[in-house]
Amino acid sequence: MTALEKKDFQNGNASSLSDMIEVRLQAYFQSLDGQLPSTDLHKTIMAQVEKPLLKVVLEHLGGNKLKASEALGLSRNTLSKKLKCYELT
């Protein structure tokens, strides 16, 4: 697989993930039946996405936090704080 094909493949996966998240969010808002969502909606949703992301990336990279931080575009310190916050340490 060429670098260009790999990039297209990764973008396709990200697009599919984005579509899936959008569908789930639409279902969530429909379930509210016109009521306002909680005031911490952004924080709640980000936590729901970020925790499994960190877990899967770490597993994929054999627990190597330096490689995981590089893959995620985070500093090692930021990654460590997030892992502690989500009790993934």
Protein backbone atom coordinates (compact mmCIF):
# COMPACT_ATOMS: atom_id res chain seq x y z
CA MET A 1 0.00 0.00 0.00
CA THR A 2 1.43 3.37 -0.98
CA ALA A 3 1.59 6.29 1.45
CA LEU A 4 -1.21 8.02 -0.49
CA GLU A 5 -3.44 4.93 -0.36
CA LYS A 6 -2.75 4.56 3.35
CA LYS A 7 -3.70 8.20 3.94
CA ASP A 8 -6.95 7.76 1.98
CA PHE A 9 -7.71 4.61 3.96
CA GLN A 10 -7.16 6.43 7.26
CA ASN A 11 -9.30 9.36 6.14
CA GLY A 12 -12.06 6.95 5.15
CA ASN A 13 -12.02 5.39 8.59
CA ALA A 14 -12.13 8.80 10.24
CA SER A 15 -15.03 9.78 8.00
CA SER A 16 -16.93 6.62 8.91
CA LEU A 17 -16.31 7.24 12.59
CA SER A 18 -17.48 10.82 12.23
CA ASP A 19 -20.65 9.66 10.47
CA MET A 20 -21.35 7.12 13.20
CA ILE A 21 -20.89 9.74 15.92
CA GLU A 22 -23.19 12.14 14.09
CA VAL A 23 -25.94 9.51 13.86
CA ARG A 24 -25.64 8.74 17.57
CA LEU A 25 -25.74 12.44 18.47
CA GLN A 26 -28.84 12.96 16.35
CA ALA A 27 -30.51 10.04 18.14
CA TYR A 28 -29.52 11.54 21.49
CA PHE A 29 -31.04 14.92 20.65
CA GLN A 30 -34.21 13.29 19.33
CA SER A 31 -34.51 11.42 22.64
CA LEU A 32 -34.51 14.74 24.50
CA ASP A 33 -37.89 15.52 22.94
CA GLY A 34 -37.29 19.26 22.77
CA GLN A 35 -35.64 19.58 26.18
CA LEU A 36 -32.25 21.21 26.57
CA PRO A 37 -29.25 18.88 27.00
CA SER A 38 -27.17 19.01 30.15
CA THR A 39 -24.89 22.02 30.53
CA ASP A 40 -21.77 19.84 30.48
CA LEU A 41 -22.66 18.07 27.24
CA HIS A 42 -19.37 18.86 25.49
CA LYS A 43 -17.28 17.59 28.40
CA THR A 44 -19.38 14.44 28.73
CA ILE A 45 -19.20 13.58 25.03
CA MET A 46 -15.49 14.30 24.80
CA ALA A 47 -14.85 11.98 27.74
CA GLN A 48 -16.93 9.26 26.07
CA VAL A 49 -14.74 9.49 22.96
CA GLU A 50 -11.36 10.26 24.51
CA LYS A 51 -11.17 7.46 27.06
CA PRO A 52 -11.58 4.60 24.56
CA LEU A 53 -9.29 6.41 22.11
CA LEU A 54 -6.49 6.57 24.66
CA LYS A 55 -7.07 2.96 25.69
CA VAL A 56 -7.02 1.60 22.13
CA VAL A 57 -3.98 3.64 21.07
CA LEU A 58 -2.03 2.46 24.12
CA GLU A 59 -3.02 -1.17 23.51
CA HIS A 60 -2.09 -0.88 19.82
CA LEU A 61 1.32 0.50 20.75
CA GLY A 62 2.02 -2.09 23.44
CA GLY A 63 1.59 0.36 26.30
CA ASN A 64 4.38 2.64 25.05
CA LYS A 65 3.31 6.06 26.33
CA LEU A 66 5.92 7.96 24.33
CA LYS A 67 4.73 6.45 21.05
CA ALA A 68 1.11 6.94 22.09
CA SER A 69 1.69 10.61 22.89
CA GLU A 70 3.36 11.10 19.50
CA ALA A 71 0.53 9.30 17.67
CA LEU A 72 -2.07 11.42 19.46
CA GLY A 73 -0.17 14.69 19.08
CA LEU A 74 0.01 15.18 22.84
CA SER A 75 2.92 15.83 25.13
CA ARG A 76 3.86 12.93 27.42
CA ASN A 77 2.78 14.98 30.41
CA THR A 78 -0.64 15.71 28.91
CA LEU A 79 -1.11 12.05 28.04
CA SER A 80 -0.14 11.02 31.56
CA LYS A 81 -2.64 13.47 33.06
CA LYS A 82 -5.41 12.19 30.81
CA LEU A 83 -4.59 8.57 31.62
CA LYS A 84 -4.74 9.37 35.32
CA CYS A 85 -8.00 11.29 34.90
CA TYR A 86 -9.65 8.32 33.14
CA GLU A 87 -8.01 5.84 35.53
CA LEU A 88 -6.13 4.14 32.69
CA THR A 89 -2.75 4.10 34.41
